[in-house]
Structures are given as structure tokens and as C-alpha cells.
Amino acid sequence: ASLMTGFALPQAHAETSVSPLATSPGIS
């Protein structure tokens, strides 16, 4: 919840439809 306060760091991305091959980023 604390991440939702503070400053916004602008980040560019392309608004596109989700590809059926798209994969969510993960971490291990």
C-alpha cells in the first residue's frame, strides 16, 4: 500500500491488445 503514495516515475509503454503468447514477468 505504501507503494501507492509518493512520486510517479513516468514510464512509456505501448497500449496494445494482449497476445495469446504473452507471458507475465516473473521472479525467483
mmCIF file of all heavy atoms, coordinates in Angstrom:
data_MODEL
# 
_entry.id   MODEL 
# 
loop_
_atom_site.group_PDB 
_atom_site.id 
_atom_site.type_symbol 
_atom_site.label_atom_id 
_atom_site.label_alt_id 
_atom_site.label_comp_id 
_atom_site.label_asym_id 
_atom_site.label_entity_id 
_atom_site.label_seq_id 
_atom_site.pdbx_PDB_ins_code 
_atom_site.Cartn_x 
_atom_site.Cartn_y 
_atom_site.Cartn_z 
_atom_site.occupancy 
_atom_site.B_iso_or_equiv 
_atom_site.pdbx_formal_charge 
_atom_site.auth_seq_id 
_atom_site.auth_comp_id 
_atom_site.auth_asym_id 
_atom_site.auth_atom_id 
_atom_site.pdbx_PDB_model_num 
ATOM 1   N N   . ALA A 1 1  ? 0.831  -1.203  0.000   1.00 0.00 ? 1  ALA A N   1 
ATOM 2   C CA  . ALA A 1 1  ? 0.000  0.000   0.000   1.00 0.00 ? 1  ALA A CA  1 
ATOM 3   C C   . ALA A 1 1  ? 0.866  1.254   0.000   1.00 0.00 ? 1  ALA A C   1 
ATOM 4   O O   . ALA A 1 1  ? 0.519  2.255   -0.607  1.00 0.00 ? 1  ALA A O   1 
ATOM 5   C CB  . ALA A 1 1  ? -0.937 0.001   1.203   1.00 0.00 ? 1  ALA A CB  1 
ATOM 6   N N   . SER A 1 2  ? 2.023  1.181   0.655   1.00 0.00 ? 2  SER A N   1 
ATOM 7   C CA  . SER A 1 2  ? 2.893  2.354   0.700   1.00 0.00 ? 2  SER A CA  1 
ATOM 8   C C   . SER A 1 2  ? 3.470  2.691   -0.667  1.00 0.00 ? 2  SER A C   1 
ATOM 9   O O   . SER A 1 2  ? 3.910  3.800   -0.908  1.00 0.00 ? 2  SER A O   1 
ATOM 10  C CB  . SER A 1 2  ? 4.032  2.152   1.712   1.00 0.00 ? 2  SER A CB  1 
ATOM 11  O OG  . SER A 1 2  ? 4.967  1.216   1.227   1.00 0.00 ? 2  SER A OG  1 
ATOM 12  N N   . LEU A 1 3  ? 3.476  1.729   -1.573  1.00 0.00 ? 3  LEU A N   1 
ATOM 13  C CA  . LEU A 1 3  ? 3.963  1.995   -2.925  1.00 0.00 ? 3  LEU A CA  1 
ATOM 14  C C   . LEU A 1 3  ? 3.045  2.939   -3.682  1.00 0.00 ? 3  LEU A C   1 
ATOM 15  O O   . LEU A 1 3  ? 3.451  3.554   -4.655  1.00 0.00 ? 3  LEU A O   1 
ATOM 16  C CB  . LEU A 1 3  ? 4.088  0.692   -3.722  1.00 0.00 ? 3  LEU A CB  1 
ATOM 17  C CG  . LEU A 1 3  ? 5.186  -0.237  -3.274  1.00 0.00 ? 3  LEU A CG  1 
ATOM 18  C CD1 . LEU A 1 3  ? 5.072  -1.556  -4.021  1.00 0.00 ? 3  LEU A CD1 1 
ATOM 19  C CD2 . LEU A 1 3  ? 6.532  0.381   -3.514  1.00 0.00 ? 3  LEU A CD2 1 
ATOM 20  N N   . MET A 1 4  ? 1.820  3.052   -3.236  1.00 0.00 ? 4  MET A N   1 
ATOM 21  C CA  . MET A 1 4  ? 0.841  3.832   -3.967  1.00 0.00 ? 4  MET A CA  1 
ATOM 22  C C   . MET A 1 4  ? 0.882  5.314   -3.603  1.00 0.00 ? 4  MET A C   1 
ATOM 23  O O   . MET A 1 4  ? 0.081  6.093   -4.079  1.00 0.00 ? 4  MET A O   1 
ATOM 24  C CB  . MET A 1 4  ? -0.569 3.282   -3.718  1.00 0.00 ? 4  MET A CB  1 
ATOM 25  C CG  . MET A 1 4  ? -0.718 1.829   -4.184  1.00 0.00 ? 4  MET A CG  1 
ATOM 26  S SD  . MET A 1 4  ? -0.155 1.521   -5.868  1.00 0.00 ? 4  MET A SD  1 
ATOM 27  C CE  . MET A 1 4  ? -1.279 2.524   -6.789  1.00 0.00 ? 4  MET A CE  1 
ATOM 28  N N   . THR A 1 5  ? 1.843  5.730   -2.771  1.00 0.00 ? 5  THR A N   1 
ATOM 29  C CA  . THR A 1 5  ? 1.990  7.146   -2.441  1.00 0.00 ? 5  THR A CA  1 
ATOM 30  C C   . THR A 1 5  ? 3.342  7.625   -2.913  1.00 0.00 ? 5  THR A C   1 
ATOM 31  O O   . THR A 1 5  ? 4.226  6.842   -3.192  1.00 0.00 ? 5  THR A O   1 
ATOM 32  C CB  . THR A 1 5  ? 1.874  7.364   -0.926  1.00 0.00 ? 5  THR A CB  1 
ATOM 33  O OG1 . THR A 1 5  ? 2.913  6.637   -0.284  1.00 0.00 ? 5  THR A OG1 1 
ATOM 34  C CG2 . THR A 1 5  ? 0.525  6.915   -0.397  1.00 0.00 ? 5  THR A CG2 1 
ATOM 35  N N   . GLY A 1 6  ? 3.508  8.904   -2.996  1.00 0.00 ? 6  GLY A N   1 
ATOM 36  C CA  . GLY A 1 6  ? 4.813  9.435   -3.383  1.00 0.00 ? 6  GLY A CA  1 
ATOM 37  C C   . GLY A 1 6  ? 4.797  10.009  -4.780  1.00 0.00 ? 6  GLY A C   1 
ATOM 38  O O   . GLY A 1 6  ? 3.793  10.497  -5.255  1.00 0.00 ? 6  GLY A O   1 
ATOM 39  N N   . PHE A 1 7  ? 5.945  9.906   -5.449  1.00 0.00 ? 7  PHE A N   1 
ATOM 40  C CA  . PHE A 1 7  ? 6.070  10.492  -6.775  1.00 0.00 ? 7  PHE A CA  1 
ATOM 41  C C   . PHE A 1 7  ? 5.796  9.442   -7.836  1.00 0.00 ? 7  PHE A C   1 
ATOM 42  O O   . PHE A 1 7  ? 5.911  8.257   -7.607  1.00 0.00 ? 7  PHE A O   1 
ATOM 43  C CB  . PHE A 1 7  ? 7.469  11.074  -6.968  1.00 0.00 ? 7  PHE A CB  1 
ATOM 44  C CG  . PHE A 1 7  ? 8.536  10.038  -7.032  1.00 0.00 ? 7  PHE A CG  1 
ATOM 45  C CD1 . PHE A 1 7  ? 8.958  9.532   -8.252  1.00 0.00 ? 7  PHE A CD1 1 
ATOM 46  C CD2 . PHE A 1 7  ? 9.112  9.551   -5.887  1.00 0.00 ? 7  PHE A CD2 1 
ATOM 47  C CE1 . PHE A 1 7  ? 9.933  8.567   -8.310  1.00 0.00 ? 7  PHE A CE1 1 
ATOM 48  C CE2 . PHE A 1 7  ? 10.085 8.577   -5.936  1.00 0.00 ? 7  PHE A CE2 1 
ATOM 49  C CZ  . PHE A 1 7  ? 10.496 8.087   -7.147  1.00 0.00 ? 7  PHE A CZ  1 
ATOM 50  N N   . ALA A 1 8  ? 5.420  9.899   -9.002  1.00 0.00 ? 8  ALA A N   1 
ATOM 51  C CA  . ALA A 1 8  ? 5.193  8.994   -10.128 1.00 0.00 ? 8  ALA A CA  1 
ATOM 52  C C   . ALA A 1 8  ? 6.382  9.077   -11.066 1.00 0.00 ? 8  ALA A C   1 
ATOM 53  O O   . ALA A 1 8  ? 6.801  10.153  -11.443 1.00 0.00 ? 8  ALA A O   1 
ATOM 54  C CB  . ALA A 1 8  ? 3.909  9.378   -10.859 1.00 0.00 ? 8  ALA A CB  1 
ATOM 55  N N   . LEU A 1 9  ? 6.940  7.950   -11.415 1.00 0.00 ? 9  LEU A N   1 
ATOM 56  C CA  . LEU A 1 9  ? 8.029  7.898   -12.368 1.00 0.00 ? 9  LEU A CA  1 
ATOM 57  C C   . LEU A 1 9  ? 7.419  7.566   -13.720 1.00 0.00 ? 9  LEU A C   1 
ATOM 58  O O   . LEU A 1 9  ? 6.917  6.468   -13.919 1.00 0.00 ? 9  LEU A O   1 
ATOM 59  C CB  . LEU A 1 9  ? 9.047  6.830   -11.963 1.00 0.00 ? 9  LEU A CB  1 
ATOM 60  C CG  . LEU A 1 9  ? 10.264 6.687   -12.854 1.00 0.00 ? 9  LEU A CG  1 
ATOM 61  C CD1 . LEU A 1 9  ? 11.071 7.984   -12.865 1.00 0.00 ? 9  LEU A CD1 1 
ATOM 62  C CD2 . LEU A 1 9  ? 11.131 5.555   -12.362 1.00 0.00 ? 9  LEU A CD2 1 
ATOM 63  N N   . PRO A 1 10 ? 7.404  8.520   -14.657 1.00 0.00 ? 10 PRO A N   1 
ATOM 64  C CA  . PRO A 1 10 ? 6.780  8.255   -15.942 1.00 0.00 ? 10 PRO A CA  1 
ATOM 65  C C   . PRO A 1 10 ? 7.451  7.087   -16.646 1.00 0.00 ? 10 PRO A C   1 
ATOM 66  O O   . PRO A 1 10 ? 8.665  6.976   -16.655 1.00 0.00 ? 10 PRO A O   1 
ATOM 67  C CB  . PRO A 1 10 ? 6.995  9.547   -16.734 1.00 0.00 ? 10 PRO A CB  1 
ATOM 68  C CG  . PRO A 1 10 ? 7.494  10.546  -15.770 1.00 0.00 ? 10 PRO A CG  1 
ATOM 69  C CD  . PRO A 1 10 ? 8.025  9.816   -14.585 1.00 0.00 ? 10 PRO A CD  1 
ATOM 70  N N   . GLN A 1 11 ? 6.633  6.224   -17.194 1.00 0.00 ? 11 GLN A N   1 
ATOM 71  C CA  . GLN A 1 11 ? 7.140  5.067   -17.910 1.00 0.00 ? 11 GLN A CA  1 
ATOM 72  C C   . GLN A 1 11 ? 6.311  4.904   -19.181 1.00 0.00 ? 11 GLN A C   1 
ATOM 73  O O   . GLN A 1 11 ? 5.098  4.856   -19.136 1.00 0.00 ? 11 GLN A O   1 
ATOM 74  C CB  . GLN A 1 11 ? 7.053  3.811   -17.045 1.00 0.00 ? 11 GLN A CB  1 
ATOM 75  C CG  . GLN A 1 11 ? 7.892  3.950   -15.790 1.00 0.00 ? 11 GLN A CG  1 
ATOM 76  C CD  . GLN A 1 11 ? 7.642  2.835   -14.802 1.00 0.00 ? 11 GLN A CD  1 
ATOM 77  O OE1 . GLN A 1 11 ? 6.562  2.306   -14.720 1.00 0.00 ? 11 GLN A OE1 1 
ATOM 78  N NE2 . GLN A 1 11 ? 8.659  2.492   -14.068 1.00 0.00 ? 11 GLN A NE2 1 
ATOM 79  N N   . ALA A 1 12 ? 7.013  4.826   -20.303 1.00 0.00 ? 12 ALA A N   1 
ATOM 80  C CA  . ALA A 1 12 ? 6.324  4.696   -21.581 1.00 0.00 ? 12 ALA A CA  1 
ATOM 81  C C   . ALA A 1 12 ? 6.083  3.229   -21.891 1.00 0.00 ? 12 ALA A C   1 
ATOM 82  O O   . ALA A 1 12 ? 6.888  2.374   -21.583 1.00 0.00 ? 12 ALA A O   1 
ATOM 83  C CB  . ALA A 1 12 ? 7.163  5.321   -22.690 1.00 0.00 ? 12 ALA A CB  1 
ATOM 84  N N   . HIS A 1 13 ? 4.964  2.960   -22.500 1.00 0.00 ? 13 HIS A N   1 
ATOM 85  C CA  . HIS A 1 13 ? 4.669  1.620   -22.974 1.00 0.00 ? 13 HIS A CA  1 
ATOM 86  C C   . HIS A 1 13 ? 3.668  1.727   -24.112 1.00 0.00 ? 13 HIS A C   1 
ATOM 87  O O   . HIS A 1 13 ? 2.994  2.729   -24.270 1.00 0.00 ? 13 HIS A O   1 
ATOM 88  C CB  . HIS A 1 13 ? 4.122  0.741   -21.848 1.00 0.00 ? 13 HIS A CB  1 
ATOM 89  C CG  . HIS A 1 13 ? 2.793  1.222   -21.326 1.00 0.00 ? 13 HIS A CG  1 
ATOM 90  N ND1 . HIS A 1 13 ? 2.713  2.211   -20.377 1.00 0.00 ? 13 HIS A ND1 1 
ATOM 91  C CD2 . HIS A 1 13 ? 1.531  0.881   -21.635 1.00 0.00 ? 13 HIS A CD2 1 
ATOM 92  C CE1 . HIS A 1 13 ? 1.424  2.437   -20.113 1.00 0.00 ? 13 HIS A CE1 1 
ATOM 93  N NE2 . HIS A 1 13 ? 0.708  1.655   -20.869 1.00 0.00 ? 13 HIS A NE2 1 
ATOM 94  N N   . ALA A 1 14 ? 3.596  0.688   -24.876 1.00 0.00 ? 14 ALA A N   1 
ATOM 95  C CA  . ALA A 1 14 ? 2.674  0.674   -25.999 1.00 0.00 ? 14 ALA A CA  1 
ATOM 96  C C   . ALA A 1 14 ? 1.369  0.027   -25.558 1.00 0.00 ? 14 ALA A C   1 
ATOM 97  O O   . ALA A 1 14 ? 1.366  -1.078  -25.031 1.00 0.00 ? 14 ALA A O   1 
ATOM 98  C CB  . ALA A 1 14 ? 3.277  -0.104  -27.163 1.00 0.00 ? 14 ALA A CB  1 
ATOM 99  N N   . GLU A 1 15 ? 0.256  0.739   -25.731 1.00 0.00 ? 15 GLU A N   1 
ATOM 100 C CA  . GLU A 1 15 ? -1.050 0.172   -25.428 1.00 0.00 ? 15 GLU A CA  1 
ATOM 101 C C   . GLU A 1 15 ? -1.434 -0.738  -26.593 1.00 0.00 ? 15 GLU A C   1 
ATOM 102 O O   . GLU A 1 15 ? -1.740 -0.286  -27.679 1.00 0.00 ? 15 GLU A O   1 
ATOM 103 C CB  . GLU A 1 15 ? -2.095 1.289   -25.261 1.00 0.00 ? 15 GLU A CB  1 
ATOM 104 C CG  . GLU A 1 15 ? -1.896 2.145   -24.053 1.00 0.00 ? 15 GLU A CG  1 
ATOM 105 C CD  . GLU A 1 15 ? -2.279 1.443   -22.758 1.00 0.00 ? 15 GLU A CD  1 
ATOM 106 O OE1 . GLU A 1 15 ? -3.028 0.445   -22.808 1.00 0.00 ? 15 GLU A OE1 1 
ATOM 107 O OE2 . GLU A 1 15 ? -1.825 1.885   -21.703 1.00 0.00 ? 15 GLU A OE2 1 
ATOM 108 N N   . THR A 1 16 ? -1.365 -2.011  -26.354 1.00 0.00 ? 16 THR A N   1 
ATOM 109 C CA  . THR A 1 16 ? -1.718 -2.970  -27.393 1.00 0.00 ? 16 THR A CA  1 
ATOM 110 C C   . THR A 1 16 ? -2.587 -4.045  -26.786 1.00 0.00 ? 16 THR A C   1 
ATOM 111 O O   . THR A 1 16 ? -2.645 -4.214  -25.576 1.00 0.00 ? 16 THR A O   1 
ATOM 112 C CB  . THR A 1 16 ? -0.466 -3.633  -27.997 1.00 0.00 ? 16 THR A CB  1 
ATOM 113 O OG1 . THR A 1 16 ? 0.242  -4.306  -26.959 1.00 0.00 ? 16 THR A OG1 1 
ATOM 114 C CG2 . THR A 1 16 ? 0.440  -2.616  -28.657 1.00 0.00 ? 16 THR A CG2 1 
ATOM 115 N N   . SER A 1 17 ? -3.244 -4.782  -27.636 1.00 0.00 ? 17 SER A N   1 
ATOM 116 C CA  . SER A 1 17 ? -4.013 -5.909  -27.135 1.00 0.00 ? 17 SER A CA  1 
ATOM 117 C C   . SER A 1 17 ? -3.043 -7.008  -26.711 1.00 0.00 ? 17 SER A C   1 
ATOM 118 O O   . SER A 1 17 ? -1.916 -7.085  -27.178 1.00 0.00 ? 17 SER A O   1 
ATOM 119 C CB  . SER A 1 17 ? -4.976 -6.416  -28.212 1.00 0.00 ? 17 SER A CB  1 
ATOM 120 O OG  . SER A 1 17 ? -4.242 -6.854  -29.326 1.00 0.00 ? 17 SER A OG  1 
ATOM 121 N N   . VAL A 1 18 ? -3.486 -7.836  -25.804 1.00 0.00 ? 18 VAL A N   1 
ATOM 122 C CA  . VAL A 1 18 ? -2.634 -8.894  -25.277 1.00 0.00 ? 18 VAL A CA  1 
ATOM 123 C C   . VAL A 1 18 ? -2.551 -10.033 -26.289 1.00 0.00 ? 18 VAL A C   1 
ATOM 124 O O   . VAL A 1 18 ? -3.558 -10.549 -26.759 1.00 0.00 ? 18 VAL A O   1 
ATOM 125 C CB  . VAL A 1 18 ? -3.183 -9.416  -23.934 1.00 0.00 ? 18 VAL A CB  1 
ATOM 126 C CG1 . VAL A 1 18 ? -2.370 -10.581 -23.423 1.00 0.00 ? 18 VAL A CG1 1 
ATOM 127 C CG2 . VAL A 1 18 ? -3.217 -8.302  -22.919 1.00 0.00 ? 18 VAL A CG2 1 
ATOM 128 N N   . SER A 1 19 ? -1.342 -10.416 -26.611 1.00 0.00 ? 19 SER A N   1 
ATOM 129 C CA  . SER A 1 19 ? -1.111 -11.542 -27.499 1.00 0.00 ? 19 SER A CA  1 
ATOM 130 C C   . SER A 1 19 ? -1.412 -12.827 -26.758 1.00 0.00 ? 19 SER A C   1 
ATOM 131 O O   . SER A 1 19 ? -1.159 -12.939 -25.559 1.00 0.00 ? 19 SER A O   1 
ATOM 132 C CB  . SER A 1 19 ? 0.359  -11.542 -27.951 1.00 0.00 ? 19 SER A CB  1 
ATOM 133 O OG  . SER A 1 19 ? 0.719  -12.791 -28.471 1.00 0.00 ? 19 SER A OG  1 
ATOM 134 N N   . PRO A 1 20 ? -1.942 -13.843 -27.453 1.00 0.00 ? 20 PRO A N   1 
ATOM 135 C CA  . PRO A 1 20 ? -2.163 -15.124 -26.782 1.00 0.00 ? 20 PRO A CA  1 
ATOM 136 C C   . PRO A 1 20 ? -0.850 -15.751 -26.315 1.00 0.00 ? 20 PRO A C   1 
ATOM 137 O O   . PRO A 1 20 ? -0.848 -16.634 -25.485 1.00 0.00 ? 20 PRO A O   1 
ATOM 138 C CB  . PRO A 1 20 ? -2.847 -15.984 -27.836 1.00 0.00 ? 20 PRO A CB  1 
ATOM 139 C CG  . PRO A 1 20 ? -2.711 -15.268 -29.122 1.00 0.00 ? 20 PRO A CG  1 
ATOM 140 C CD  . PRO A 1 20 ? -2.369 -13.844 -28.824 1.00 0.00 ? 20 PRO A CD  1 
ATOM 141 N N   . LEU A 1 21 ? 0.286  -15.263 -26.830 1.00 0.00 ? 21 LEU A N   1 
ATOM 142 C CA  . LEU A 1 21 ? 1.585  -15.791 -26.438 1.00 0.00 ? 21 LEU A CA  1 
ATOM 143 C C   . LEU A 1 21 ? 2.249  -14.956 -25.340 1.00 0.00 ? 21 LEU A C   1 
ATOM 144 O O   . LEU A 1 21 ? 3.361  -15.254 -24.928 1.00 0.00 ? 21 LEU A O   1 
ATOM 145 C CB  . LEU A 1 21 ? 2.511  -15.864 -27.653 1.00 0.00 ? 21 LEU A CB  1 
ATOM 146 C CG  . LEU A 1 21 ? 2.020  -16.731 -28.807 1.00 0.00 ? 21 LEU A CG  1 
ATOM 147 C CD1 . LEU A 1 21 ? 2.967  -16.637 -29.989 1.00 0.00 ? 21 LEU A CD1 1 
ATOM 148 C CD2 . LEU A 1 21 ? 1.835  -18.164 -28.364 1.00 0.00 ? 21 LEU A CD2 1 
ATOM 149 N N   . ALA A 1 22 ? 1.569  -13.904 -24.879 1.00 0.00 ? 22 ALA A N   1 
ATOM 150 C CA  . ALA A 1 22 ? 2.147  -13.037 -23.853 1.00 0.00 ? 22 ALA A CA  1 
ATOM 151 C C   . ALA A 1 22 ? 2.327  -13.817 -22.548 1.00 0.00 ? 22 ALA A C   1 
ATOM 152 O O   . ALA A 1 22 ? 1.525  -14.676 -22.207 1.00 0.00 ? 22 ALA A O   1 
ATOM 153 C CB  . ALA A 1 22 ? 1.247  -11.828 -23.618 1.00 0.00 ? 22 ALA A CB  1 
ATOM 154 N N   . THR A 1 23 ? 3.407  -13.487 -21.834 1.00 0.00 ? 23 THR A N   1 
ATOM 155 C CA  . THR A 1 23 ? 3.717  -14.133 -20.562 1.00 0.00 ? 23 THR A CA  1 
ATOM 156 C C   . THR A 1 23 ? 3.980  -13.067 -19.517 1.00 0.00 ? 23 THR A C   1 
ATOM 157 O O   . THR A 1 23 ? 4.680  -12.090 -19.770 1.00 0.00 ? 23 THR A O   1 
ATOM 158 C CB  . THR A 1 23 ? 4.966  -15.035 -20.705 1.00 0.00 ? 23 THR A CB  1 
ATOM 159 O OG1 . THR A 1 23 ? 4.734  -15.971 -21.752 1.00 0.00 ? 23 THR A OG1 1 
ATOM 160 C CG2 . THR A 1 23 ? 5.251  -15.778 -19.426 1.00 0.00 ? 23 THR A CG2 1 
ATOM 161 N N   . SER A 1 24 ? 3.443  -13.272 -18.331 1.00 0.00 ? 24 SER A N   1 
ATOM 162 C CA  . SER A 1 24 ? 3.648  -12.331 -17.234 1.00 0.00 ? 24 SER A CA  1 
ATOM 163 C C   . SER A 1 24 ? 5.087  -12.410 -16.738 1.00 0.00 ? 24 SER A C   1 
ATOM 164 O O   . SER A 1 24 ? 5.630  -13.500 -16.572 1.00 0.00 ? 24 SER A O   1 
ATOM 165 C CB  . SER A 1 24 ? 2.690  -12.668 -16.092 1.00 0.00 ? 24 SER A CB  1 
ATOM 166 O OG  . SER A 1 24 ? 2.862  -11.777 -15.018 1.00 0.00 ? 24 SER A OG  1 
ATOM 167 N N   . PRO A 1 25 ? 5.737  -11.251 -16.483 1.00 0.00 ? 25 PRO A N   1 
ATOM 168 C CA  . PRO A 1 25 ? 7.091  -11.268 -15.923 1.00 0.00 ? 25 PRO A CA  1 
ATOM 169 C C   . PRO A 1 25 ? 7.097  -11.965 -14.564 1.00 0.00 ? 25 PRO A C   1 
ATOM 170 O O   . PRO A 1 25 ? 6.181  -11.787 -13.767 1.00 0.00 ? 25 PRO A O   1 
ATOM 171 C CB  . PRO A 1 25 ? 7.447  -9.793  -15.766 1.00 0.00 ? 25 PRO A CB  1 
ATOM 172 C CG  . PRO A 1 25 ? 6.462  -9.054  -16.607 1.00 0.00 ? 25 PRO A CG  1 
ATOM 173 C CD  . PRO A 1 25 ? 5.243  -9.899  -16.684 1.00 0.00 ? 25 PRO A CD  1 
ATOM 174 N N   . GLY A 1 26 ? 8.137  -12.739 -14.328 1.00 0.00 ? 26 GLY A N   1 
ATOM 175 C CA  . GLY A 1 26 ? 8.235  -13.463 -13.071 1.00 0.00 ? 26 GLY A CA  1 
ATOM 176 C C   . GLY A 1 26 ? 9.587  -13.259 -12.411 1.00 0.00 ? 26 GLY A C   1 
ATOM 177 O O   . GLY A 1 26 ? 10.523 -12.723 -13.008 1.00 0.00 ? 26 GLY A O   1 
ATOM 178 N N   . ILE A 1 27 ? 9.686  -13.701 -11.161 1.00 0.00 ? 27 ILE A N   1 
ATOM 179 C CA  . ILE A 1 27 ? 10.913 -13.573 -10.388 1.00 0.00 ? 27 ILE A CA  1 
ATOM 180 C C   . ILE A 1 27 ? 11.037 -14.787 -9.478  1.00 0.00 ? 27 ILE A C   1 
ATOM 181 O O   . ILE A 1 27 ? 10.035 -15.301 -8.974  1.00 0.00 ? 27 ILE A O   1 
ATOM 182 C CB  . ILE A 1 27 ? 10.891 -12.244 -9.594  1.00 0.00 ? 27 ILE A CB  1 
ATOM 183 C CG1 . ILE A 1 27 ? 12.266 -11.903 -9.058  1.00 0.00 ? 27 ILE A CG1 1 
ATOM 184 C CG2 . ILE A 1 27 ? 9.854  -12.261 -8.509  1.00 0.00 ? 27 ILE A CG2 1 
ATOM 185 C CD1 . ILE A 1 27 ? 12.380 -10.476 -8.547  1.00 0.00 ? 27 ILE A CD1 1 
ATOM 186 N N   . SER A 1 28 ? 12.271 -15.258 -9.313  1.00 0.00 ? 28 SER A N   1 
ATOM 187 C CA  . SER A 1 28 ? 12.511 -16.408 -8.452  1.00 0.00 ? 28 SER A CA  1 
ATOM 188 C C   . SER A 1 28 ? 13.765 -16.160 -7.628  1.00 0.00 ? 28 SER A C   1 
ATOM 189 O O   . SER A 1 28 ? 14.813 -15.834 -8.202  1.00 0.00 ? 28 SER A O   1 
ATOM 190 C CB  . SER A 1 28 ? 12.686 -17.663 -9.300  1.00 0.00 ? 28 SER A CB  1 
ATOM 191 O OG  . SER A 1 28 ? 12.966 -18.782 -8.483  1.00 0.00 ? 28 SER A OG  1 
# 
